[in-house]
Structures are given as structure tokens and as C-alpha cells.
Amino acid sequence: MIETPICAHCGHVVCGDDIERGDLRIEASGTVIWRDEPVRLTHAQRTVLRIVASSPTPLTRAELAQRTGYHGDDPVNLINVLIHNIRKRMPGVPIATIHRQGVAWG
């Protein structure tokens, strides 16, 4: 499994390289561009989007919660809420929810 890099200073997921997938561009600075328009997302939403967009295979919600470092009462539900909010802010984003397999780009 690919380890998500964590910043030793602040504890957040490190952004890494630019990602380009179709109409989506996530810059190393954290700026999200969807269909040539900048989109304002929370840090948590950007983290989930970056991991899903860069993963070559579907991720279960539990794996996604683990890779983002989210803990608490119901981290899987938090992932569901974050994905819902990403879809609201970025209509048409190709985040597929695959029954019993998880979340994937495409």
C-alpha cells in the first residue's frame, strides 16, 4: 500500500506533485482547478480529492479514511460527507462510488 506523506511540521498530508486528470488539475500549492476555474475546497476535501484522483485502483472508504489520517467516531461517514461536498462544489467530477468496492476516479 502507498503511504500518504505527512508533513513533520504541521501533521497535514503533503501535497506532492501536480496532478492532472481530465478537467481536473491540483497544483502542488493546493490550488484546485476544475474545468479551467479555481475551486475553493477545505483542506480535508482537497486531501480526499488528491488521494482519489491519484489512486490507480478503487479505495474503500475505510482505506481512504486511513490514508487521510481521519479518526473519530465514524471516519467512513466523514469520507462520505466530504465526497458529497466535493461533488456539490464540482458538478460532473468523475468520482465513482462502486458498490462494495469503494471510491474511484472515473
N, C-alpha and C. Protein backbone atom coordinates (compact mmCIF):
# COMPACT_ATOMS: atom_id res chain seq x y z
N MET A 1 0.84 -1.18 0.00
CA MET A 1 0.00 0.00 0.00
C MET A 1 0.89 1.25 0.00
N ILE A 2 0.49 2.25 -0.76
CA ILE A 2 1.22 3.50 -0.83
C ILE A 2 0.98 4.29 0.44
N GLU A 3 2.04 4.77 1.05
CA GLU A 3 1.92 5.58 2.25
C GLU A 3 1.69 7.04 1.86
N THR A 4 0.76 7.69 2.49
CA THR A 4 0.50 9.10 2.27
C THR A 4 1.52 9.91 3.05
N PRO A 5 2.30 10.78 2.36
CA PRO A 5 3.31 11.55 3.07
C PRO A 5 2.70 12.58 4.01
N ILE A 6 3.25 12.66 5.21
CA ILE A 6 2.75 13.59 6.23
C ILE A 6 3.84 14.61 6.54
N CYS A 7 3.44 15.86 6.65
CA CYS A 7 4.36 16.93 7.00
C CYS A 7 4.76 16.79 8.47
N ALA A 8 6.06 16.75 8.74
CA ALA A 8 6.55 16.62 10.11
C ALA A 8 6.25 17.87 10.94
N HIS A 9 6.09 19.00 10.27
CA HIS A 9 5.87 20.26 10.98
C HIS A 9 4.41 20.43 11.43
N CYS A 10 3.46 20.24 10.48
CA CYS A 10 2.06 20.55 10.81
C CYS A 10 1.18 19.31 10.93
N GLY A 11 1.66 18.14 10.46
CA GLY A 11 0.87 16.92 10.56
C GLY A 11 -0.14 16.72 9.46
N HIS A 12 -0.21 17.66 8.50
CA HIS A 12 -1.14 17.51 7.38
C HIS A 12 -0.52 16.68 6.27
N VAL A 13 -1.37 16.17 5.39
CA VAL A 13 -0.89 15.42 4.24
C VAL A 13 -0.12 16.37 3.33
N VAL A 14 1.05 15.93 2.88
CA VAL A 14 1.89 16.73 1.99
C VAL A 14 1.27 16.71 0.59
N CYS A 15 1.23 17.85 -0.05
CA CYS A 15 0.58 17.95 -1.36
C CYS A 15 1.31 17.17 -2.44
N GLY A 16 2.61 17.22 -2.50
CA GLY A 16 3.34 16.48 -3.53
C GLY A 16 3.30 17.17 -4.88
N ASP A 17 3.37 16.39 -5.95
CA ASP A 17 3.42 16.91 -7.31
C ASP A 17 2.04 17.36 -7.79
N ASP A 18 2.06 18.11 -8.91
CA ASP A 18 0.81 18.48 -9.56
C ASP A 18 0.13 17.22 -10.08
N ILE A 19 -1.19 17.21 -10.07
CA ILE A 19 -1.98 16.10 -10.61
C ILE A 19 -2.88 16.67 -11.69
N GLU A 20 -2.90 16.03 -12.85
CA GLU A 20 -3.82 16.41 -13.91
C GLU A 20 -4.57 15.17 -14.36
N ARG A 21 -5.90 15.23 -14.24
CA ARG A 21 -6.77 14.12 -14.66
C ARG A 21 -7.95 14.72 -15.40
N GLY A 22 -7.91 14.71 -16.71
CA GLY A 22 -9.00 15.28 -17.50
C GLY A 22 -9.17 16.76 -17.22
N ASP A 23 -10.35 17.16 -16.76
CA ASP A 23 -10.65 18.57 -16.48
C ASP A 23 -10.14 19.03 -15.11
N LEU A 24 -9.52 18.14 -14.36
CA LEU A 24 -9.05 18.47 -13.01
C LEU A 24 -7.55 18.70 -13.00
N ARG A 25 -7.14 19.76 -12.31
CA ARG A 25 -5.72 19.99 -12.04
C ARG A 25 -5.59 20.38 -10.57
N ILE A 26 -4.75 19.66 -9.86
CA ILE A 26 -4.46 20.01 -8.48
C ILE A 26 -2.97 20.36 -8.45
N GLU A 27 -2.69 21.60 -8.13
CA GLU A 27 -1.31 22.07 -8.12
C GLU A 27 -0.65 21.71 -6.80
N ALA A 28 0.68 21.64 -6.80
CA ALA A 28 1.43 21.31 -5.59
C ALA A 28 1.13 22.30 -4.47
N SER A 29 0.75 23.52 -4.83
CA SER A 29 0.42 24.54 -3.83
C SER A 29 -0.92 24.27 -3.15
N GLY A 30 -1.71 23.32 -3.72
CA GLY A 30 -3.02 23.01 -3.16
C GLY A 30 -4.17 23.61 -3.93
N THR A 31 -3.88 24.45 -4.92
CA THR A 31 -4.93 25.06 -5.73
C THR A 31 -5.60 24.00 -6.58
N VAL A 32 -6.94 23.99 -6.55
CA VAL A 32 -7.72 23.04 -7.34
C VAL A 32 -8.36 23.80 -8.50
N ILE A 33 -8.13 23.31 -9.72
CA ILE A 33 -8.70 23.90 -10.92
C ILE A 33 -9.61 22.85 -11.54
N TRP A 34 -10.90 23.17 -11.70
CA TRP A 34 -11.87 22.26 -12.30
C TRP A 34 -12.49 22.96 -13.49
N ARG A 35 -12.29 22.39 -14.68
CA ARG A 35 -12.82 22.96 -15.92
C ARG A 35 -12.37 24.41 -16.09
N ASP A 36 -11.08 24.62 -15.88
CA ASP A 36 -10.42 25.92 -16.05
C ASP A 36 -10.88 26.99 -15.06
N GLU A 37 -11.55 26.61 -14.00
CA GLU A 37 -11.98 27.55 -12.96
C GLU A 37 -11.44 27.11 -11.61
N PRO A 38 -10.85 28.02 -10.84
CA PRO A 38 -10.40 27.64 -9.49
C PRO A 38 -11.60 27.31 -8.60
N VAL A 39 -11.43 26.30 -7.76
CA VAL A 39 -12.48 25.85 -6.85
C VAL A 39 -11.95 25.93 -5.43
N ARG A 40 -12.74 26.51 -4.55
CA ARG A 40 -12.34 26.59 -3.14
C ARG A 40 -12.83 25.34 -2.42
N LEU A 41 -11.89 24.58 -1.90
CA LEU A 41 -12.20 23.39 -1.12
C LEU A 41 -11.50 23.49 0.23
N THR A 42 -12.06 22.81 1.21
CA THR A 42 -11.38 22.75 2.51
C THR A 42 -10.16 21.86 2.38
N HIS A 43 -9.29 21.91 3.37
CA HIS A 43 -8.10 21.05 3.35
C HIS A 43 -8.51 19.58 3.28
N ALA A 44 -9.52 19.20 4.04
CA ALA A 44 -9.97 17.81 4.05
C ALA A 44 -10.49 17.39 2.68
N GLN A 45 -11.26 18.27 2.02
CA GLN A 45 -11.79 17.96 0.70
C GLN A 45 -10.66 17.83 -0.32
N ARG A 46 -9.68 18.73 -0.27
CA ARG A 46 -8.53 18.65 -1.19
C ARG A 46 -7.75 17.37 -0.97
N THR A 47 -7.59 16.97 0.27
CA THR A 47 -6.84 15.75 0.59
C THR A 47 -7.54 14.53 0.01
N VAL A 48 -8.84 14.41 0.22
CA VAL A 48 -9.60 13.28 -0.31
C VAL A 48 -9.56 13.29 -1.84
N LEU A 49 -9.76 14.46 -2.44
CA LEU A 49 -9.74 14.57 -3.90
C LEU A 49 -8.39 14.16 -4.46
N ARG A 50 -7.31 14.63 -3.84
CA ARG A 50 -5.95 14.30 -4.30
C ARG A 50 -5.70 12.79 -4.23
N ILE A 51 -6.09 12.17 -3.15
CA ILE A 51 -5.85 10.73 -2.99
C ILE A 51 -6.67 9.92 -3.99
N VAL A 52 -7.95 10.27 -4.14
CA VAL A 52 -8.80 9.53 -5.09
C VAL A 52 -8.30 9.74 -6.52
N ALA A 53 -7.96 10.97 -6.88
CA ALA A 53 -7.52 11.25 -8.25
C ALA A 53 -6.18 10.59 -8.58
N SER A 54 -5.34 10.39 -7.58
CA SER A 54 -4.02 9.82 -7.86
C SER A 54 -3.97 8.30 -7.69
N SER A 55 -5.03 7.70 -7.20
CA SER A 55 -5.04 6.26 -6.98
C SER A 55 -5.40 5.52 -8.26
N PRO A 56 -4.59 4.54 -8.67
CA PRO A 56 -4.89 3.78 -9.88
C PRO A 56 -5.99 2.74 -9.68
N THR A 57 -6.33 2.44 -8.43
CA THR A 57 -7.35 1.43 -8.14
C THR A 57 -8.38 2.01 -7.18
N PRO A 58 -9.57 1.41 -7.13
CA PRO A 58 -10.58 1.87 -6.17
C PRO A 58 -10.09 1.72 -4.73
N LEU A 59 -10.50 2.64 -3.88
CA LEU A 59 -10.17 2.59 -2.46
C LEU A 59 -11.47 2.43 -1.67
N THR A 60 -11.46 1.56 -0.68
CA THR A 60 -12.63 1.50 0.19
C THR A 60 -12.66 2.78 1.02
N ARG A 61 -13.82 3.10 1.55
CA ARG A 61 -13.92 4.30 2.38
C ARG A 61 -13.04 4.17 3.62
N ALA A 62 -12.92 2.96 4.15
CA ALA A 62 -12.05 2.74 5.32
C ALA A 62 -10.59 2.99 4.96
N GLU A 63 -10.15 2.51 3.78
CA GLU A 63 -8.77 2.76 3.33
C GLU A 63 -8.54 4.25 3.12
N LEU A 64 -9.53 4.91 2.54
CA LEU A 64 -9.42 6.35 2.30
C LEU A 64 -9.33 7.11 3.62
N ALA A 65 -10.14 6.71 4.59
CA ALA A 65 -10.08 7.35 5.92
C ALA A 65 -8.71 7.12 6.55
N GLN A 66 -8.18 5.92 6.41
CA GLN A 66 -6.86 5.60 6.97
C GLN A 66 -5.77 6.41 6.28
N ARG A 67 -5.82 6.52 4.95
CA ARG A 67 -4.79 7.25 4.21
C ARG A 67 -4.84 8.74 4.48
N THR A 68 -6.02 9.26 4.80
CA THR A 68 -6.13 10.68 5.12
C THR A 68 -5.79 10.96 6.57
N GLY A 69 -5.78 9.90 7.39
CA GLY A 69 -5.46 10.07 8.79
C GLY A 69 -6.64 10.44 9.66
N TYR A 70 -7.86 10.32 9.14
CA TYR A 70 -9.04 10.68 9.92
C TYR A 70 -9.39 9.57 10.90
N HIS A 71 -9.69 9.98 12.12
CA HIS A 71 -10.10 9.06 13.17
C HIS A 71 -11.38 9.62 13.78
N GLY A 72 -11.84 8.99 14.78
CA GLY A 72 -13.03 9.52 15.44
C GLY A 72 -14.14 8.50 15.47
N ASP A 73 -15.34 8.97 15.75
CA ASP A 73 -16.48 8.08 15.90
C ASP A 73 -16.85 7.36 14.61
N ASP A 74 -16.83 8.08 13.49
CA ASP A 74 -17.27 7.48 12.23
C ASP A 74 -16.50 8.08 11.05
N PRO A 75 -15.22 7.70 10.88
CA PRO A 75 -14.43 8.29 9.79
C PRO A 75 -14.97 7.93 8.41
N VAL A 76 -15.62 6.77 8.26
CA VAL A 76 -16.18 6.38 6.96
C VAL A 76 -17.31 7.33 6.57
N ASN A 77 -18.15 7.70 7.53
CA ASN A 77 -19.21 8.66 7.24
C ASN A 77 -18.61 10.02 6.89
N LEU A 78 -17.53 10.42 7.55
CA LEU A 78 -16.87 11.68 7.22
C LEU A 78 -16.41 11.66 5.77
N ILE A 79 -15.85 10.54 5.31
CA ILE A 79 -15.44 10.42 3.91
C ILE A 79 -16.65 10.59 2.99
N ASN A 80 -17.77 9.97 3.33
CA ASN A 80 -18.99 10.12 2.53
C ASN A 80 -19.42 11.59 2.43
N VAL A 81 -19.37 12.29 3.54
CA VAL A 81 -19.76 13.70 3.57
C VAL A 81 -18.79 14.53 2.72
N LEU A 82 -17.49 14.27 2.85
CA LEU A 82 -16.50 15.02 2.07
C LEU A 82 -16.71 14.80 0.58
N ILE A 83 -16.95 13.56 0.17
CA ILE A 83 -17.17 13.26 -1.25
C ILE A 83 -18.45 13.95 -1.74
N HIS A 84 -19.50 13.92 -0.92
CA HIS A 84 -20.74 14.62 -1.28
C HIS A 84 -20.48 16.11 -1.49
N ASN A 85 -19.72 16.72 -0.59
CA ASN A 85 -19.45 18.15 -0.70
C ASN A 85 -18.55 18.48 -1.90
N ILE A 86 -17.61 17.59 -2.22
CA ILE A 86 -16.78 17.79 -3.42
C ILE A 86 -17.67 17.77 -4.65
N ARG A 87 -18.58 16.81 -4.72
CA ARG A 87 -19.49 16.71 -5.87
C ARG A 87 -20.38 17.94 -6.00
N LYS A 88 -20.80 18.53 -4.87
CA LYS A 88 -21.63 19.75 -4.92
C LYS A 88 -20.83 20.92 -5.46
N ARG A 89 -19.58 21.05 -5.06
CA ARG A 89 -18.76 22.18 -5.48
C ARG A 89 -18.19 22.01 -6.89
N MET A 90 -18.10 20.75 -7.34
CA MET A 90 -17.52 20.47 -8.64
C MET A 90 -18.46 19.56 -9.44
N PRO A 91 -19.58 20.10 -9.94
CA PRO A 91 -20.54 19.26 -10.67
C PRO A 91 -19.87 18.54 -11.83
N GLY A 92 -20.17 17.26 -11.94
CA GLY A 92 -19.61 16.46 -13.02
C GLY A 92 -18.26 15.82 -12.71
N VAL A 93 -17.74 16.04 -11.51
CA VAL A 93 -16.45 15.43 -11.17
C VAL A 93 -16.59 13.91 -11.21
N PRO A 94 -15.66 13.23 -11.88
CA PRO A 94 -15.83 11.78 -12.07
C PRO A 94 -15.34 10.94 -10.89
N ILE A 95 -15.89 11.18 -9.72
CA ILE A 95 -15.61 10.32 -8.58
C ILE A 95 -16.72 9.28 -8.55
N ALA A 96 -16.35 8.04 -8.81
CA ALA A 96 -17.33 6.97 -8.88
C ALA A 96 -17.40 6.25 -7.54
N THR A 97 -18.61 6.00 -7.09
CA THR A 97 -18.83 5.19 -5.90
C THR A 97 -19.24 3.81 -6.38
N ILE A 98 -18.37 2.83 -6.17
CA ILE A 98 -18.59 1.49 -6.67
C ILE A 98 -19.10 0.62 -5.53
N HIS A 99 -20.27 0.04 -5.72
CA HIS A 99 -20.90 -0.76 -4.67
C HIS A 99 -19.96 -1.87 -4.19
N ARG A 100 -19.72 -1.90 -2.90
CA ARG A 100 -18.90 -2.90 -2.22
C ARG A 100 -17.43 -2.88 -2.61
N GLN A 101 -17.02 -1.94 -3.43
CA GLN A 101 -15.61 -1.83 -3.79
C GLN A 101 -14.98 -0.54 -3.30
N GLY A 102 -15.74 0.51 -3.27
CA GLY A 102 -15.20 1.74 -2.74
C GLY A 102 -15.38 2.93 -3.66
N VAL A 103 -14.36 3.77 -3.66
CA VAL A 103 -14.40 5.05 -4.37
C VAL A 103 -13.26 5.04 -5.38
N ALA A 104 -13.54 5.52 -6.60
CA ALA A 104 -12.51 5.54 -7.63
C ALA A 104 -12.68 6.76 -8.52
N TRP A 105 -11.62 7.12 -9.20
CA TRP A 105 -11.67 8.18 -10.19
C TRP A 105 -12.14 7.56 -11.50
N GLY A 106 -13.12 8.18 -12.12
CA GLY A 106 -13.54 7.71 -13.43
C GLY A 106 -14.92 7.29 -13.40
